[in-house]
Amino acid sequence: TDGEGKGPKPAPGCAELPADDPCHTLINLYYTHLNPP
């Protein structure tokens, strides 16, 4: 698409770090329904 390669990129050197390293994270989002006490 026209958007290929135009987004944010991981920090330099992130490719050498393990897959679970935070530098690979674009977003880590948690969500919930607050009404239940």
PDB file of all heavy atoms in Angstrom:
ATOM      1  N   THR A   1       0.846  -1.203   0.000  1.00  0.00           N
ATOM      2  CA  THR A   1       0.000   0.000   0.000  1.00  0.00           C
ATOM      3  C   THR A   1       0.876   1.245   0.000  1.00  0.00           C
ATOM      4  O   THR A   1       2.103   1.171   0.149  1.00  0.00           O
ATOM      5  CB  THR A   1      -0.928   0.024   1.235  1.00  0.00           C
ATOM      6  OG1 THR A   1      -0.140   0.284   2.410  1.00  0.00           O
ATOM      7  CG2 THR A   1      -1.658  -1.294   1.388  1.00  0.00           C
ATOM      8  N   ASP A   2       0.232   2.407  -0.133  1.00  0.00           N
ATOM      9  CA  ASP A   2       0.981   3.665  -0.097  1.00  0.00           C
ATOM     10  C   ASP A   2       1.585   3.930   1.278  1.00  0.00           C
ATOM     11  O   ASP A   2       2.486   4.756   1.418  1.00  0.00           O
ATOM     12  CB  ASP A   2       0.061   4.834  -0.471  1.00  0.00           C
ATOM     13  CG  ASP A   2      -0.365   4.784  -1.923  1.00  0.00           C
ATOM     14  OD1 ASP A   2       0.332   4.110  -2.702  1.00  0.00           O
ATOM     15  OD2 ASP A   2      -1.389   5.400  -2.269  1.00  0.00           O
ATOM     16  N   GLY A   3       1.068   3.234   2.292  1.00  0.00           N
ATOM     17  CA  GLY A   3       1.577   3.449   3.638  1.00  0.00           C
ATOM     18  C   GLY A   3       2.753   2.577   4.004  1.00  0.00           C
ATOM     19  O   GLY A   3       3.286   2.680   5.124  1.00  0.00           O
ATOM     20  N   GLU A   4       3.188   1.728   3.084  1.00  0.00           N
ATOM     21  CA  GLU A   4       4.305   0.828   3.386  1.00  0.00           C
ATOM     22  C   GLU A   4       5.573   1.626   3.679  1.00  0.00           C
ATOM     23  O   GLU A   4       5.963   2.508   2.927  1.00  0.00           O
ATOM     24  CB  GLU A   4       4.538  -0.118   2.208  1.00  0.00           C
ATOM     25  CG  GLU A   4       5.629  -1.146   2.463  1.00  0.00           C
ATOM     26  CD  GLU A   4       5.769  -2.151   1.340  1.00  0.00           C
ATOM     27  OE1 GLU A   4       5.072  -1.995   0.311  1.00  0.00           O
ATOM     28  OE2 GLU A   4       6.553  -3.104   1.479  1.00  0.00           O
ATOM     29  N   GLY A   5       6.201   1.331   4.808  1.00  0.00           N
ATOM     30  CA  GLY A   5       7.453   1.966   5.188  1.00  0.00           C
ATOM     31  C   GLY A   5       7.326   3.367   5.739  1.00  0.00           C
ATOM     32  O   GLY A   5       8.339   4.024   5.984  1.00  0.00           O
ATOM     33  N   LYS A   6       6.101   3.862   5.965  1.00  0.00           N
ATOM     34  CA  LYS A   6       5.912   5.239   6.411  1.00  0.00           C
ATOM     35  C   LYS A   6       5.499   5.349   7.865  1.00  0.00           C
ATOM     36  O   LYS A   6       5.119   6.418   8.326  1.00  0.00           O
ATOM     37  CB  LYS A   6       4.869   5.929   5.519  1.00  0.00           C
ATOM     38  CG  LYS A   6       5.319   6.068   4.072  1.00  0.00           C
ATOM     39  CD  LYS A   6       4.320   6.835   3.227  1.00  0.00           C
ATOM     40  CE  LYS A   6       4.822   6.977   1.793  1.00  0.00           C
ATOM     41  NZ  LYS A   6       3.859   7.709   0.943  1.00  0.00           N
ATOM     42  N   GLY A   7       5.562   4.255   8.594  1.00  0.00           N
ATOM     43  CA  GLY A   7       5.194   4.288   9.989  1.00  0.00           C
ATOM     44  C   GLY A   7       6.409   4.379  10.895  1.00  0.00           C
ATOM     45  O   GLY A   7       7.561   4.402  10.434  1.00  0.00           O
ATOM     46  N   PRO A   8       6.175   4.433  12.213  1.00  0.00           N
ATOM     47  CA  PRO A   8       7.304   4.461  13.162  1.00  0.00           C
ATOM     48  C   PRO A   8       8.111   3.178  13.072  1.00  0.00           C
ATOM     49  O   PRO A   8       7.592   2.113  12.718  1.00  0.00           O
ATOM     50  CB  PRO A   8       6.604   4.610  14.518  1.00  0.00           C
ATOM     51  CG  PRO A   8       5.217   4.104  14.304  1.00  0.00           C
ATOM     52  CD  PRO A   8       4.869   4.431  12.899  1.00  0.00           C
ATOM     53  N   LYS A   9       9.394   3.278  13.403  1.00  0.00           N
ATOM     54  CA  LYS A   9      10.278   2.126  13.302  1.00  0.00           C
ATOM     55  C   LYS A   9      10.929   1.857  14.647  1.00  0.00           C
ATOM     56  O   LYS A   9      11.097   2.772  15.468  1.00  0.00           O
ATOM     57  CB  LYS A   9      11.343   2.372  12.229  1.00  0.00           C
ATOM     58  CG  LYS A   9      10.766   2.519  10.818  1.00  0.00           C
ATOM     59  CD  LYS A   9      11.852   2.854   9.810  1.00  0.00           C
ATOM     60  CE  LYS A   9      11.289   2.869   8.398  1.00  0.00           C
ATOM     61  NZ  LYS A   9      10.154   3.787   8.250  1.00  0.00           N
ATOM     62  N   PRO A  10      11.306   0.597  14.918  1.00  0.00           N
ATOM     63  CA  PRO A  10      11.974   0.288  16.186  1.00  0.00           C
ATOM     64  C   PRO A  10      13.338   0.969  16.271  1.00  0.00           C
ATOM     65  O   PRO A  10      13.909   1.396  15.256  1.00  0.00           O
ATOM     66  CB  PRO A  10      12.095  -1.234  16.149  1.00  0.00           C
ATOM     67  CG  PRO A  10      12.018  -1.601  14.708  1.00  0.00           C
ATOM     68  CD  PRO A  10      11.125  -0.593  14.062  1.00  0.00           C
ATOM     69  N   ALA A  11      13.811   1.071  17.467  1.00  0.00           N
ATOM     70  CA  ALA A  11      15.103   1.722  17.688  1.00  0.00           C
ATOM     71  C   ALA A  11      16.223   0.939  17.016  1.00  0.00           C
ATOM     72  O   ALA A  11      16.122  -0.284  16.831  1.00  0.00           O
ATOM     73  CB  ALA A  11      15.366   1.832  19.190  1.00  0.00           C
ATOM     74  N   PRO A  12      17.305   1.614  16.621  1.00  0.00           N
ATOM     75  CA  PRO A  12      18.450   0.917  16.009  1.00  0.00           C
ATOM     76  C   PRO A  12      18.976  -0.182  16.933  1.00  0.00           C
ATOM     77  O   PRO A  12      19.053  -0.011  18.157  1.00  0.00           O
ATOM     78  CB  PRO A  12      19.491   2.028  15.825  1.00  0.00           C
ATOM     79  CG  PRO A  12      18.683   3.291  15.777  1.00  0.00           C
ATOM     80  CD  PRO A  12      17.522   3.075  16.687  1.00  0.00           C
ATOM     81  N   GLY A  13      19.285  -1.319  16.329  1.00  0.00           N
ATOM     82  CA  GLY A  13      19.801  -2.438  17.099  1.00  0.00           C
ATOM     83  C   GLY A  13      18.733  -3.324  17.700  1.00  0.00           C
ATOM     84  O   GLY A  13      19.047  -4.344  18.316  1.00  0.00           O
ATOM     85  N   CYS A  14      17.463  -2.977  17.518  1.00  0.00           N
ATOM     86  CA  CYS A  14      16.387  -3.774  18.114  1.00  0.00           C
ATOM     87  C   CYS A  14      16.298  -5.151  17.473  1.00  0.00           C
ATOM     88  O   CYS A  14      15.878  -6.118  18.117  1.00  0.00           O
ATOM     89  CB  CYS A  14      15.055  -3.029  17.970  1.00  0.00           C
ATOM     90  SG  CYS A  14      13.679  -3.822  18.806  1.00  0.00           S
ATOM     91  N   ALA A  15      16.659  -5.256  16.199  1.00  0.00           N
ATOM     92  CA  ALA A  15      16.540  -6.536  15.495  1.00  0.00           C
ATOM     93  C   ALA A  15      17.390  -7.618  16.147  1.00  0.00           C
ATOM     94  O   ALA A  15      17.069  -8.803  16.059  1.00  0.00           O
ATOM     95  CB  ALA A  15      16.939  -6.362  14.029  1.00  0.00           C
ATOM     96  N   GLU A  16      18.500  -7.222  16.818  1.00  0.00           N
ATOM     97  CA  GLU A  16      19.365  -8.220  17.441  1.00  0.00           C
ATOM     98  C   GLU A  16      18.845  -8.667  18.804  1.00  0.00           C
ATOM     99  O   GLU A  16      19.338  -9.650  19.374  1.00  0.00           O
ATOM    100  CB  GLU A  16      20.783  -7.654  17.614  1.00  0.00           C
ATOM    101  CG  GLU A  16      21.581  -7.539  16.306  1.00  0.00           C
ATOM    102  CD  GLU A  16      21.116  -6.359  15.471  1.00  0.00           C
ATOM    103  OE1 GLU A  16      20.645  -5.370  16.051  1.00  0.00           O
ATOM    104  OE2 GLU A  16      21.211  -6.454  14.227  1.00  0.00           O
ATOM    105  N   LEU A  17      17.873  -7.982  19.348  1.00  0.00           N
ATOM    106  CA  LEU A  17      17.358  -8.311  20.678  1.00  0.00           C
ATOM    107  C   LEU A  17      16.256  -9.357  20.591  1.00  0.00           C
ATOM    108  O   LEU A  17      15.621  -9.531  19.547  1.00  0.00           O
ATOM    109  CB  LEU A  17      16.832  -7.039  21.354  1.00  0.00           C
ATOM    110  CG  LEU A  17      17.893  -5.954  21.612  1.00  0.00           C
ATOM    111  CD1 LEU A  17      17.238  -4.689  22.179  1.00  0.00           C
ATOM    112  CD2 LEU A  17      18.966  -6.480  22.564  1.00  0.00           C
ATOM    113  N   PRO A  18      15.977 -10.070  21.675  1.00  0.00           N
ATOM    114  CA  PRO A  18      14.940 -11.109  21.673  1.00  0.00           C
ATOM    115  C   PRO A  18      13.573 -10.546  21.296  1.00  0.00           C
ATOM    116  O   PRO A  18      13.296  -9.350  21.453  1.00  0.00           O
ATOM    117  CB  PRO A  18      14.954 -11.620  23.116  1.00  0.00           C
ATOM    118  CG  PRO A  18      16.299 -11.244  23.640  1.00  0.00           C
ATOM    119  CD  PRO A  18      16.682  -9.973  22.952  1.00  0.00           C
ATOM    120  N   ALA A  19      12.693 -11.417  20.798  1.00  0.00           N
ATOM    121  CA  ALA A  19      11.381 -10.994  20.319  1.00  0.00           C
ATOM    122  C   ALA A  19      10.522 -10.391  21.415  1.00  0.00           C
ATOM    123  O   ALA A  19       9.624  -9.588  21.134  1.00  0.00           O
ATOM    124  CB  ALA A  19      10.653 -12.179  19.667  1.00  0.00           C
ATOM    125  N   ASP A  20      10.775 -10.781  22.695  1.00  0.00           N
ATOM    126  CA  ASP A  20       9.948 -10.256  23.777  1.00  0.00           C
ATOM    127  C   ASP A  20      10.485  -8.949  24.358  1.00  0.00           C
ATOM    128  O   ASP A  20       9.950  -8.428  25.336  1.00  0.00           O
ATOM    129  CB  ASP A  20       9.799 -11.291  24.893  1.00  0.00           C
ATOM    130  CG  ASP A  20      11.154 -11.718  25.467  1.00  0.00           C
ATOM    131  OD1 ASP A  20      12.192 -11.304  24.904  1.00  0.00           O
ATOM    132  OD2 ASP A  20      11.166 -12.469  26.456  1.00  0.00           O
ATOM    133  N   ASP A  21      11.546  -8.400  23.759  1.00  0.00           N
ATOM    134  CA  ASP A  21      12.091  -7.142  24.255  1.00  0.00           C
ATOM    135  C   ASP A  21      11.122  -5.999  23.929  1.00  0.00           C
ATOM    136  O   ASP A  21      10.525  -5.964  22.839  1.00  0.00           O
ATOM    137  CB  ASP A  21      13.445  -6.864  23.599  1.00  0.00           C
ATOM    138  CG  ASP A  21      14.183  -5.712  24.274  1.00  0.00           C
ATOM    139  OD1 ASP A  21      13.916  -4.542  23.883  1.00  0.00           O
ATOM    140  OD2 ASP A  21      14.977  -5.978  25.175  1.00  0.00           O
ATOM    141  N   PRO A  22      10.931  -5.061  24.857  1.00  0.00           N
ATOM    142  CA  PRO A  22       9.982  -3.956  24.636  1.00  0.00           C
ATOM    143  C   PRO A  22      10.267  -3.111  23.405  1.00  0.00           C
ATOM    144  O   PRO A  22       9.371  -2.427  22.907  1.00  0.00           O
ATOM    145  CB  PRO A  22      10.118  -3.121  25.908  1.00  0.00           C
ATOM    146  CG  PRO A  22      10.606  -4.077  26.946  1.00  0.00           C
ATOM    147  CD  PRO A  22      11.491  -5.041  26.210  1.00  0.00           C
ATOM    148  N   CYS A  23      11.498  -3.160  22.892  1.00  0.00           N
ATOM    149  CA  CYS A  23      11.806  -2.313  21.736  1.00  0.00           C
ATOM    150  C   CYS A  23      11.040  -2.748  20.490  1.00  0.00           C
ATOM    151  O   CYS A  23      10.927  -1.993  19.530  1.00  0.00           O
ATOM    152  CB  CYS A  23      13.315  -2.294  21.461  1.00  0.00           C
ATOM    153  SG  CYS A  23      13.956  -3.806  20.728  1.00  0.00           S
ATOM    154  N   HIS A  24      10.514  -3.984  20.487  1.00  0.00           N
ATOM    155  CA  HIS A  24       9.736  -4.482  19.344  1.00  0.00           C
ATOM    156  C   HIS A  24       8.274  -4.035  19.410  1.00  0.00           C
ATOM    157  O   HIS A  24       7.522  -4.243  18.456  1.00  0.00           O
ATOM    158  CB  HIS A  24       9.786  -6.009  19.299  1.00  0.00           C
ATOM    159  CG  HIS A  24      11.147  -6.566  19.008  1.00  0.00           C
ATOM    160  ND1 HIS A  24      11.685  -6.603  17.742  1.00  0.00           N
ATOM    161  CD2 HIS A  24      12.087  -7.109  19.839  1.00  0.00           C
ATOM    162  CE1 HIS A  24      12.892  -7.147  17.783  1.00  0.00           C
ATOM    163  NE2 HIS A  24      13.166  -7.467  19.051  1.00  0.00           N
ATOM    164  N   THR A  25       7.881  -3.457  20.514  1.00  0.00           N
ATOM    165  CA  THR A  25       6.459  -3.168  20.755  1.00  0.00           C
ATOM    166  C   THR A  25       6.031  -1.868  20.094  1.00  0.00           C
ATOM    167  O   THR A  25       6.575  -0.799  20.385  1.00  0.00           O
ATOM    168  CB  THR A  25       6.181  -3.084  22.266  1.00  0.00           C
ATOM    169  OG1 THR A  25       6.539  -4.320  22.882  1.00  0.00           O
ATOM    170  CG2 THR A  25       4.709  -2.788  22.513  1.00  0.00           C
ATOM    171  N   LEU A  26       5.061  -1.946  19.226  1.00  0.00           N
ATOM    172  CA  LEU A  26       4.417  -0.740  18.711  1.00  0.00           C
ATOM    173  C   LEU A  26       3.400  -0.250  19.739  1.00  0.00           C
ATOM    174  O   LEU A  26       3.360   0.927  20.078  1.00  0.00           O
ATOM    175  CB  LEU A  26       3.720  -1.009  17.378  1.00  0.00           C
ATOM    176  CG  LEU A  26       3.003   0.200  16.773  1.00  0.00           C
ATOM    177  CD1 LEU A  26       4.016   1.236  16.305  1.00  0.00           C
ATOM    178  CD2 LEU A  26       2.093  -0.210  15.627  1.00  0.00           C
ATOM    179  N   ILE A  27       2.563  -1.156  20.240  1.00  0.00           N
ATOM    180  CA  ILE A  27       1.635  -0.808  21.318  1.00  0.00           C
ATOM    181  C   ILE A  27       1.276  -2.068  22.089  1.00  0.00           C
ATOM    182  O   ILE A  27       1.052  -3.142  21.498  1.00  0.00           O
ATOM    183  CB  ILE A  27       0.362  -0.112  20.788  1.00  0.00           C
ATOM    184  CG1 ILE A  27      -0.513   0.377  21.959  1.00  0.00           C
ATOM    185  CG2 ILE A  27      -0.421  -1.012  19.850  1.00  0.00           C
ATOM    186  CD1 ILE A  27      -1.652   1.277  21.533  1.00  0.00           C
ATOM    187  N   ASN A  28       1.264  -1.945  23.389  1.00  0.00           N
ATOM    188  CA  ASN A  28       0.839  -3.019  24.286  1.00  0.00           C
ATOM    189  C   ASN A  28      -0.362  -2.469  25.061  1.00  0.00           C
ATOM    190  O   ASN A  28      -0.213  -1.731  26.028  1.00  0.00           O
ATOM    191  CB  ASN A  28       1.983  -3.403  25.229  1.00  0.00           C
ATOM    192  CG  ASN A  28       1.633  -4.618  26.065  1.00  0.00           C
ATOM    193  OD1 ASN A  28       0.770  -5.416  25.701  1.00  0.00           O
ATOM    194  ND2 ASN A  28       2.298  -4.776  27.209  1.00  0.00           N
ATOM    195  N   LEU A  29      -1.551  -2.810  24.598  1.00  0.00           N
ATOM    196  CA  LEU A  29      -2.772  -2.153  25.059  1.00  0.00           C
ATOM    197  C   LEU A  29      -3.625  -3.123  25.882  1.00  0.00           C
ATOM    198  O   LEU A  29      -3.923  -4.239  25.436  1.00  0.00           O
ATOM    199  CB  LEU A  29      -3.574  -1.656  23.841  1.00  0.00           C
ATOM    200  CG  LEU A  29      -4.971  -1.105  24.085  1.00  0.00           C
ATOM    201  CD1 LEU A  29      -4.906   0.149  24.949  1.00  0.00           C
ATOM    202  CD2 LEU A  29      -5.662  -0.803  22.757  1.00  0.00           C
ATOM    203  N   TYR A  30      -4.024  -2.697  27.083  1.00  0.00           N
ATOM    204  CA  TYR A  30      -4.951  -3.454  27.924  1.00  0.00           C
ATOM    205  C   TYR A  30      -6.281  -2.687  27.993  1.00  0.00           C
ATOM    206  O   TYR A  30      -6.283  -1.454  28.044  1.00  0.00           O
ATOM    207  CB  TYR A  30      -4.381  -3.640  29.334  1.00  0.00           C
ATOM    208  CG  TYR A  30      -3.224  -4.598  29.399  1.00  0.00           C
ATOM    209  CD1 TYR A  30      -1.908  -4.149  29.181  1.00  0.00           C
ATOM    210  CD2 TYR A  30      -3.419  -5.945  29.672  1.00  0.00           C
ATOM    211  CE1 TYR A  30      -0.840  -5.027  29.235  1.00  0.00           C
ATOM    212  CE2 TYR A  30      -2.344  -6.832  29.729  1.00  0.00           C
ATOM    213  CZ  TYR A  30      -1.066  -6.366  29.513  1.00  0.00           C
ATOM    214  OH  TYR A  30      -0.001  -7.242  29.569  1.00  0.00           O
ATOM    215  N   TYR A  31      -7.372  -3.426  27.997  1.00  0.00           N
ATOM    216  CA  TYR A  31      -8.683  -2.785  28.021  1.00  0.00           C
ATOM    217  C   TYR A  31      -9.642  -3.628  28.861  1.00  0.00           C
ATOM    218  O   TYR A  31      -9.485  -4.851  28.995  1.00  0.00           O
ATOM    219  CB  TYR A  31      -9.223  -2.617  26.596  1.00  0.00           C
ATOM    220  CG  TYR A  31      -9.381  -3.911  25.823  1.00  0.00           C
ATOM    221  CD1 TYR A  31     -10.638  -4.503  25.684  1.00  0.00           C
ATOM    222  CD2 TYR A  31      -8.287  -4.552  25.235  1.00  0.00           C
ATOM    223  CE1 TYR A  31     -10.795  -5.684  24.985  1.00  0.00           C
ATOM    224  CE2 TYR A  31      -8.429  -5.731  24.540  1.00  0.00           C
ATOM    225  CZ  TYR A  31      -9.687  -6.296  24.410  1.00  0.00           C
ATOM    226  OH  TYR A  31      -9.842  -7.482  23.740  1.00  0.00           O
ATOM    227  N   THR A  32     -10.648  -2.963  29.433  1.00  0.00           N
ATOM    228  CA  THR A  32     -11.570  -3.665  30.328  1.00  0.00           C
ATOM    229  C   THR A  32     -12.875  -2.885  30.469  1.00  0.00           C
ATOM    230  O   THR A  32     -12.958  -1.703  30.108  1.00  0.00           O
ATOM    231  CB  THR A  32     -10.941  -3.864  31.709  1.00  0.00           C
ATOM    232  OG1 THR A  32     -11.808  -4.682  32.509  1.00  0.00           O
ATOM    233  CG2 THR A  32     -10.730  -2.532  32.416  1.00  0.00           C
ATOM    234  N   HIS A  33     -13.870  -3.558  30.994  1.00  0.00           N
ATOM    235  CA  HIS A  33     -15.191  -2.976  31.277  1.00  0.00           C
ATOM    236  C   HIS A  33     -15.220  -2.646  32.774  1.00  0.00           C
ATOM    237  O   HIS A  33     -15.075  -3.528  33.620  1.00  0.00           O
ATOM    238  CB  HIS A  33     -16.275  -4.006  30.922  1.00  0.00           C
ATOM    239  CG  HIS A  33     -17.665  -3.481  31.002  1.00  0.00           C
ATOM    240  ND1 HIS A  33     -18.754  -4.220  30.630  1.00  0.00           N
ATOM    241  CD2 HIS A  33     -18.162  -2.297  31.417  1.00  0.00           C
ATOM    242  CE1 HIS A  33     -19.861  -3.516  30.806  1.00  0.00           C
ATOM    243  NE2 HIS A  33     -19.522  -2.348  31.289  1.00  0.00           N
ATOM    244  N   LEU A  34     -15.438  -1.385  33.111  1.00  0.00           N
ATOM    245  CA  LEU A  34     -15.268  -0.933  34.496  1.00  0.00           C
ATOM    246  C   LEU A  34     -16.519  -1.060  35.360  1.00  0.00           C
ATOM    247  O   LEU A  34     -16.428  -0.941  36.589  1.00  0.00           O
ATOM    248  CB  LEU A  34     -14.811   0.532  34.511  1.00  0.00           C
ATOM    249  CG  LEU A  34     -13.389   0.799  34.013  1.00  0.00           C
ATOM    250  CD1 LEU A  34     -13.151   2.301  33.926  1.00  0.00           C
ATOM    251  CD2 LEU A  34     -12.353   0.142  34.922  1.00  0.00           C
ATOM    252  N   ASN A  35     -17.692  -1.260  34.793  1.00  0.00           N
ATOM    253  CA  ASN A  35     -18.914  -1.262  35.600  1.00  0.00           C
ATOM    254  C   ASN A  35     -18.969  -2.354  36.662  1.00  0.00           C
ATOM    255  O   ASN A  35     -19.417  -2.091  37.790  1.00  0.00           O
ATOM    256  CB  ASN A  35     -20.143  -1.359  34.694  1.00  0.00           C
ATOM    257  CG  ASN A  35     -20.394  -0.074  33.918  1.00  0.00           C
ATOM    258  OD1 ASN A  35     -19.503   0.425  33.249  1.00  0.00           O
ATOM    259  ND2 ASN A  35     -21.608   0.462  34.004  1.00  0.00           N
ATOM    260  N   PRO A  36     -18.561  -3.597  36.371  1.00  0.00           N
ATOM    261  CA  PRO A  36     -18.594  -4.615  37.430  1.00  0.00           C
ATOM    262  C   PRO A  36     -17.705  -4.201  38.600  1.00  0.00           C
ATOM    263  O   PRO A  36     -16.534  -3.839  38.408  1.00  0.00           O
ATOM    264  CB  PRO A  36     -18.059  -5.865  36.725  1.00  0.00           C
ATOM    265  CG  PRO A  36     -18.340  -5.633  35.274  1.00  0.00           C
ATOM    266  CD  PRO A  36     -18.145  -4.174  35.079  1.00  0.00           C
ATOM    267  N   PRO A  37     -18.197  -4.247  39.832  1.00  0.00           N
ATOM    268  CA  PRO A  37     -17.400  -3.791  40.990  1.00  0.00           C
ATOM    269  C   PRO A  37     -16.062  -4.493  41.133  1.00  0.00           C
ATOM    270  O   PRO A  37     -15.062  -3.865  41.499  1.00  0.00           O
ATOM    271  CB  PRO A  37     -18.323  -4.083  42.176  1.00  0.00           C
ATOM    272  CG  PRO A  37     -19.706  -4.022  41.596  1.00  0.00           C
ATOM    273  CD  PRO A  37     -19.579  -4.585  40.217  1.00  0.00           C
TER     274      PRO A  37
END
